[in-house]
């Protein structure tokens, strides 16, 4: 891609915001489904955001990074949208993503 670094960064930031907005609108999609299909979930995104903030010396708590991804406090999202994961989905995640 023949674009300058500033434009590339702006495009990547826009894509990230669009992905987060999409995930916020798809509250029917559970994190375990994302993990089993794509290998990452909303929590991964929030962890990556915090790790990048930490690397740059920017103060961002785990709760703040999760709220940035979920659009609300994580506990509120869980209470409102998260359902119990069926045993077969938990087993699949353990086999393919043992670090989560």
N, C-alpha and C. Protein backbone atom coordinates (compact mmCIF):
# COMPACT_ATOMS: atom_id res chain seq x y z
N UNK A 1 0.85 -1.17 0.00
CA UNK A 1 0.00 0.00 0.00
C UNK A 1 0.90 1.24 0.00
N UNK A 2 0.68 2.11 -0.93
CA UNK A 2 1.52 3.29 -1.08
C UNK A 2 0.85 4.50 -0.43
N UNK A 3 0.77 4.48 0.90
CA UNK A 3 0.23 5.63 1.61
C UNK A 3 1.20 6.00 2.73
N UNK A 4 1.14 7.24 3.14
CA UNK A 4 2.06 7.69 4.19
C UNK A 4 1.61 7.15 5.55
N UNK A 5 2.53 7.18 6.51
CA UNK A 5 2.27 6.62 7.83
C UNK A 5 1.10 7.29 8.54
N UNK A 6 0.97 8.60 8.42
CA UNK A 6 -0.11 9.33 9.08
C UNK A 6 -1.47 8.86 8.54
N UNK A 7 -1.58 8.76 7.24
CA UNK A 7 -2.84 8.32 6.63
C UNK A 7 -3.13 6.87 7.01
N UNK A 8 -2.12 6.03 7.00
CA UNK A 8 -2.29 4.61 7.38
C UNK A 8 -2.80 4.53 8.81
N UNK A 9 -2.21 5.29 9.72
CA UNK A 9 -2.63 5.29 11.11
C UNK A 9 -4.08 5.77 11.25
N UNK A 10 -4.44 6.81 10.51
CA UNK A 10 -5.81 7.32 10.55
C UNK A 10 -6.80 6.28 10.03
N UNK A 11 -6.43 5.59 8.96
CA UNK A 11 -7.30 4.54 8.41
C UNK A 11 -7.45 3.39 9.40
N UNK A 12 -6.34 2.97 9.99
CA UNK A 12 -6.40 1.88 10.96
C UNK A 12 -7.25 2.26 12.17
N UNK A 13 -7.12 3.50 12.63
CA UNK A 13 -7.93 3.96 13.76
C UNK A 13 -9.41 3.96 13.39
N UNK A 14 -9.73 4.39 12.19
CA UNK A 14 -11.12 4.41 11.74
C UNK A 14 -11.68 2.99 11.65
N UNK A 15 -10.87 2.07 11.18
CA UNK A 15 -11.30 0.67 11.08
C UNK A 15 -11.53 0.09 12.48
N UNK A 16 -10.64 0.41 13.41
CA UNK A 16 -10.81 -0.06 14.79
C UNK A 16 -12.12 0.48 15.37
N UNK A 17 -12.37 1.76 15.19
CA UNK A 17 -13.61 2.35 15.70
C UNK A 17 -14.83 1.69 15.05
N UNK A 18 -14.73 1.38 13.79
CA UNK A 18 -15.84 0.72 13.09
C UNK A 18 -16.05 -0.70 13.61
N UNK A 19 -14.97 -1.43 13.86
CA UNK A 19 -15.07 -2.77 14.43
C UNK A 19 -15.71 -2.72 15.81
N UNK A 20 -15.27 -1.80 16.64
CA UNK A 20 -15.83 -1.67 17.98
C UNK A 20 -17.32 -1.32 17.90
N UNK A 21 -17.68 -0.40 17.04
CA UNK A 21 -19.10 -0.03 16.87
C UNK A 21 -19.92 -1.24 16.41
N UNK A 22 -19.36 -2.02 15.51
CA UNK A 22 -20.05 -3.21 15.02
C UNK A 22 -20.27 -4.21 16.16
N UNK A 23 -19.22 -4.45 16.95
CA UNK A 23 -19.36 -5.38 18.07
C UNK A 23 -20.34 -4.87 19.12
N UNK A 24 -20.37 -3.56 19.33
CA UNK A 24 -21.35 -3.00 20.27
C UNK A 24 -22.78 -3.23 19.78
N UNK A 25 -22.97 -3.17 18.48
CA UNK A 25 -24.32 -3.36 17.93
C UNK A 25 -24.72 -4.84 17.88
N UNK A 26 -23.75 -5.73 17.96
CA UNK A 26 -24.03 -7.17 17.88
C UNK A 26 -23.92 -7.81 19.27
N UNK A 27 -24.75 -7.32 20.18
CA UNK A 27 -24.75 -7.86 21.53
C UNK A 27 -25.24 -9.30 21.58
N UNK A 28 -25.85 -9.77 20.49
CA UNK A 28 -26.29 -11.16 20.41
C UNK A 28 -25.11 -12.12 20.23
N UNK A 29 -23.99 -11.61 19.79
CA UNK A 29 -22.80 -12.45 19.59
C UNK A 29 -22.03 -12.50 20.90
N UNK A 30 -21.92 -13.68 21.44
CA UNK A 30 -21.22 -13.87 22.71
C UNK A 30 -19.71 -13.91 22.49
N UNK A 31 -18.96 -13.52 23.52
CA UNK A 31 -17.50 -13.54 23.43
C UNK A 31 -16.96 -14.94 23.14
N UNK A 32 -17.56 -15.95 23.73
CA UNK A 32 -17.07 -17.31 23.50
C UNK A 32 -17.23 -17.70 22.03
N UNK A 33 -18.29 -17.21 21.39
CA UNK A 33 -18.47 -17.49 19.96
C UNK A 33 -17.37 -16.80 19.15
N UNK A 34 -17.06 -15.57 19.51
CA UNK A 34 -15.96 -14.86 18.83
C UNK A 34 -14.65 -15.61 19.02
N UNK A 35 -14.38 -16.04 20.25
CA UNK A 35 -13.14 -16.77 20.52
C UNK A 35 -13.06 -18.05 19.70
N UNK A 36 -14.15 -18.79 19.68
CA UNK A 36 -14.12 -20.08 18.98
C UNK A 36 -14.05 -19.92 17.46
N UNK A 37 -14.58 -18.85 16.94
CA UNK A 37 -14.56 -18.64 15.50
C UNK A 37 -13.36 -17.83 15.01
N UNK A 38 -12.99 -16.81 15.78
CA UNK A 38 -11.98 -15.87 15.29
C UNK A 38 -10.69 -15.86 16.12
N UNK A 39 -10.73 -16.44 17.30
CA UNK A 39 -9.54 -16.46 18.12
C UNK A 39 -9.31 -15.20 18.94
N UNK A 40 -10.28 -14.31 18.96
CA UNK A 40 -10.23 -13.13 19.82
C UNK A 40 -11.65 -12.71 20.14
N UNK A 41 -11.78 -11.88 21.18
CA UNK A 41 -13.09 -11.40 21.57
C UNK A 41 -13.01 -9.95 22.04
N UNK A 42 -14.09 -9.45 22.56
CA UNK A 42 -14.11 -8.06 23.04
C UNK A 42 -13.09 -7.85 24.15
N UNK A 43 -12.96 -8.84 25.03
CA UNK A 43 -11.97 -8.72 26.11
C UNK A 43 -10.55 -8.65 25.54
N UNK A 44 -10.28 -9.41 24.51
CA UNK A 44 -8.96 -9.35 23.87
C UNK A 44 -8.70 -7.94 23.34
N UNK A 45 -9.68 -7.38 22.66
CA UNK A 45 -9.52 -6.01 22.14
C UNK A 45 -9.24 -5.03 23.26
N UNK A 46 -9.99 -5.15 24.36
CA UNK A 46 -9.77 -4.22 25.46
C UNK A 46 -8.40 -4.45 26.11
N UNK A 47 -7.96 -5.70 26.19
CA UNK A 47 -6.62 -5.99 26.72
C UNK A 47 -5.54 -5.42 25.81
N UNK A 48 -5.70 -5.56 24.50
CA UNK A 48 -4.73 -5.01 23.56
C UNK A 48 -4.66 -3.49 23.67
N UNK A 49 -5.83 -2.87 23.83
CA UNK A 49 -5.88 -1.42 23.99
C UNK A 49 -5.10 -1.00 25.23
N UNK A 50 -5.31 -1.69 26.34
CA UNK A 50 -4.61 -1.37 27.58
C UNK A 50 -3.11 -1.61 27.43
N UNK A 51 -2.73 -2.71 26.81
CA UNK A 51 -1.30 -3.01 26.61
C UNK A 51 -0.62 -1.92 25.79
N UNK A 52 -1.28 -1.44 24.76
CA UNK A 52 -0.71 -0.37 23.94
C UNK A 52 -0.62 0.93 24.72
N UNK A 53 -1.64 1.22 25.53
CA UNK A 53 -1.59 2.41 26.38
C UNK A 53 -0.44 2.30 27.37
N UNK A 54 -0.30 1.15 27.99
CA UNK A 54 0.80 0.93 28.94
C UNK A 54 2.15 1.13 28.25
N UNK A 55 2.29 0.59 27.04
CA UNK A 55 3.56 0.70 26.30
C UNK A 55 3.91 2.15 25.99
N UNK A 56 2.90 2.98 25.84
CA UNK A 56 3.12 4.39 25.53
C UNK A 56 3.13 5.27 26.78
N UNK A 57 2.96 4.64 27.96
CA UNK A 57 2.95 5.39 29.20
C UNK A 57 1.67 6.19 29.41
N UNK A 58 0.60 5.76 28.76
CA UNK A 58 -0.70 6.43 28.89
C UNK A 58 -1.52 5.72 29.96
N UNK A 59 -2.03 6.50 30.90
CA UNK A 59 -2.83 5.92 31.98
C UNK A 59 -4.18 5.45 31.44
N UNK A 60 -4.42 4.16 31.55
CA UNK A 60 -5.69 3.57 31.13
C UNK A 60 -5.89 2.31 31.97
N UNK A 61 -6.92 2.30 32.78
CA UNK A 61 -7.18 1.13 33.63
C UNK A 61 -7.84 0.03 32.81
N UNK A 62 -7.85 -1.17 33.37
CA UNK A 62 -8.53 -2.29 32.72
C UNK A 62 -10.01 -1.98 32.55
N UNK A 63 -10.62 -1.40 33.58
CA UNK A 63 -12.04 -1.04 33.49
C UNK A 63 -12.28 -0.01 32.39
N UNK A 64 -11.39 0.98 32.26
CA UNK A 64 -11.54 2.00 31.23
C UNK A 64 -11.37 1.41 29.83
N UNK A 65 -10.43 0.50 29.68
CA UNK A 65 -10.23 -0.10 28.36
C UNK A 65 -11.42 -0.97 27.98
N UNK A 66 -11.98 -1.67 28.94
CA UNK A 66 -13.18 -2.48 28.65
C UNK A 66 -14.37 -1.60 28.31
N UNK A 67 -14.53 -0.50 29.03
CA UNK A 67 -15.63 0.40 28.73
C UNK A 67 -15.46 1.01 27.34
N UNK A 68 -14.22 1.26 26.93
CA UNK A 68 -13.97 1.81 25.59
C UNK A 68 -14.42 0.84 24.50
N UNK A 69 -14.30 -0.45 24.76
CA UNK A 69 -14.71 -1.46 23.78
C UNK A 69 -16.20 -1.79 23.91
N UNK A 70 -16.67 -1.99 25.11
CA UNK A 70 -18.06 -2.40 25.32
C UNK A 70 -19.05 -1.25 25.22
N UNK A 71 -18.59 -0.02 25.41
CA UNK A 71 -19.49 1.13 25.35
C UNK A 71 -20.26 1.34 26.64
N UNK A 72 -19.90 0.60 27.66
CA UNK A 72 -20.54 0.68 28.98
C UNK A 72 -19.63 -0.08 29.94
N UNK A 73 -19.84 0.07 31.24
CA UNK A 73 -19.04 -0.74 32.17
C UNK A 73 -19.20 -2.23 31.86
N UNK A 74 -18.11 -2.95 31.96
CA UNK A 74 -18.11 -4.38 31.63
C UNK A 74 -19.15 -5.15 32.43
N UNK A 75 -19.27 -4.87 33.72
CA UNK A 75 -20.24 -5.59 34.55
C UNK A 75 -21.67 -5.34 34.07
N UNK A 76 -21.94 -4.14 33.58
CA UNK A 76 -23.27 -3.83 33.04
C UNK A 76 -23.52 -4.65 31.78
N UNK A 77 -22.51 -4.71 30.91
CA UNK A 77 -22.66 -5.49 29.67
C UNK A 77 -22.91 -6.95 30.00
N UNK A 78 -22.12 -7.49 30.92
CA UNK A 78 -22.29 -8.90 31.29
C UNK A 78 -23.69 -9.17 31.83
N UNK A 79 -24.16 -8.31 32.72
CA UNK A 79 -25.48 -8.51 33.32
C UNK A 79 -26.60 -8.36 32.30
N UNK A 80 -26.39 -7.53 31.30
CA UNK A 80 -27.43 -7.25 30.32
C UNK A 80 -27.42 -8.22 29.15
N UNK A 81 -26.23 -8.60 28.67
CA UNK A 81 -26.14 -9.33 27.40
C UNK A 81 -25.49 -10.72 27.47
N UNK A 82 -24.70 -10.99 28.48
CA UNK A 82 -23.96 -12.26 28.47
C UNK A 82 -24.84 -13.39 28.97
N UNK A 83 -24.83 -14.48 28.23
CA UNK A 83 -25.55 -15.67 28.65
C UNK A 83 -24.54 -16.74 29.05
N UNK A 84 -25.03 -17.74 29.75
CA UNK A 84 -24.15 -18.84 30.16
C UNK A 84 -23.67 -19.60 28.93
N UNK A 85 -22.40 -19.89 28.92
CA UNK A 85 -21.82 -20.62 27.78
C UNK A 85 -22.10 -22.11 27.93
N UNK A 86 -22.58 -22.72 26.86
CA UNK A 86 -22.82 -24.17 26.89
C UNK A 86 -21.49 -24.93 27.06
N UNK A 87 -21.53 -26.07 27.72
CA UNK A 87 -20.31 -26.85 27.97
C UNK A 87 -19.51 -27.16 26.70
N UNK A 88 -20.18 -27.43 25.59
CA UNK A 88 -19.45 -27.77 24.37
C UNK A 88 -18.63 -26.58 23.86
N UNK A 89 -19.16 -25.37 24.01
CA UNK A 89 -18.41 -24.19 23.57
C UNK A 89 -17.23 -23.91 24.50
N UNK A 90 -17.41 -24.16 25.79
CA UNK A 90 -16.31 -24.00 26.74
C UNK A 90 -15.20 -24.99 26.42
N UNK A 91 -15.58 -26.21 26.13
CA UNK A 91 -14.61 -27.25 25.80
C UNK A 91 -13.83 -26.90 24.52
N UNK A 92 -14.53 -26.41 23.52
CA UNK A 92 -13.88 -25.99 22.27
C UNK A 92 -12.87 -24.88 22.55
N UNK A 93 -13.26 -23.91 23.36
CA UNK A 93 -12.36 -22.80 23.67
C UNK A 93 -11.13 -23.30 24.43
N UNK A 94 -11.31 -24.20 25.36
CA UNK A 94 -10.18 -24.74 26.13
C UNK A 94 -9.19 -25.45 25.22
N UNK A 95 -9.71 -26.16 24.23
CA UNK A 95 -8.84 -26.91 23.32
C UNK A 95 -8.07 -26.00 22.37
N UNK A 96 -8.73 -24.98 21.87
CA UNK A 96 -8.11 -24.15 20.83
C UNK A 96 -7.49 -22.86 21.33
N UNK A 97 -7.90 -22.40 22.51
CA UNK A 97 -7.41 -21.13 23.05
C UNK A 97 -7.12 -21.27 24.53
N UNK A 98 -6.18 -22.11 24.86
CA UNK A 98 -5.93 -22.44 26.26
C UNK A 98 -5.48 -21.25 27.10
N UNK A 99 -5.00 -20.18 26.48
CA UNK A 99 -4.54 -19.02 27.23
C UNK A 99 -5.63 -18.06 27.64
N UNK A 100 -6.88 -18.36 27.30
CA UNK A 100 -7.96 -17.42 27.62
C UNK A 100 -8.88 -17.96 28.66
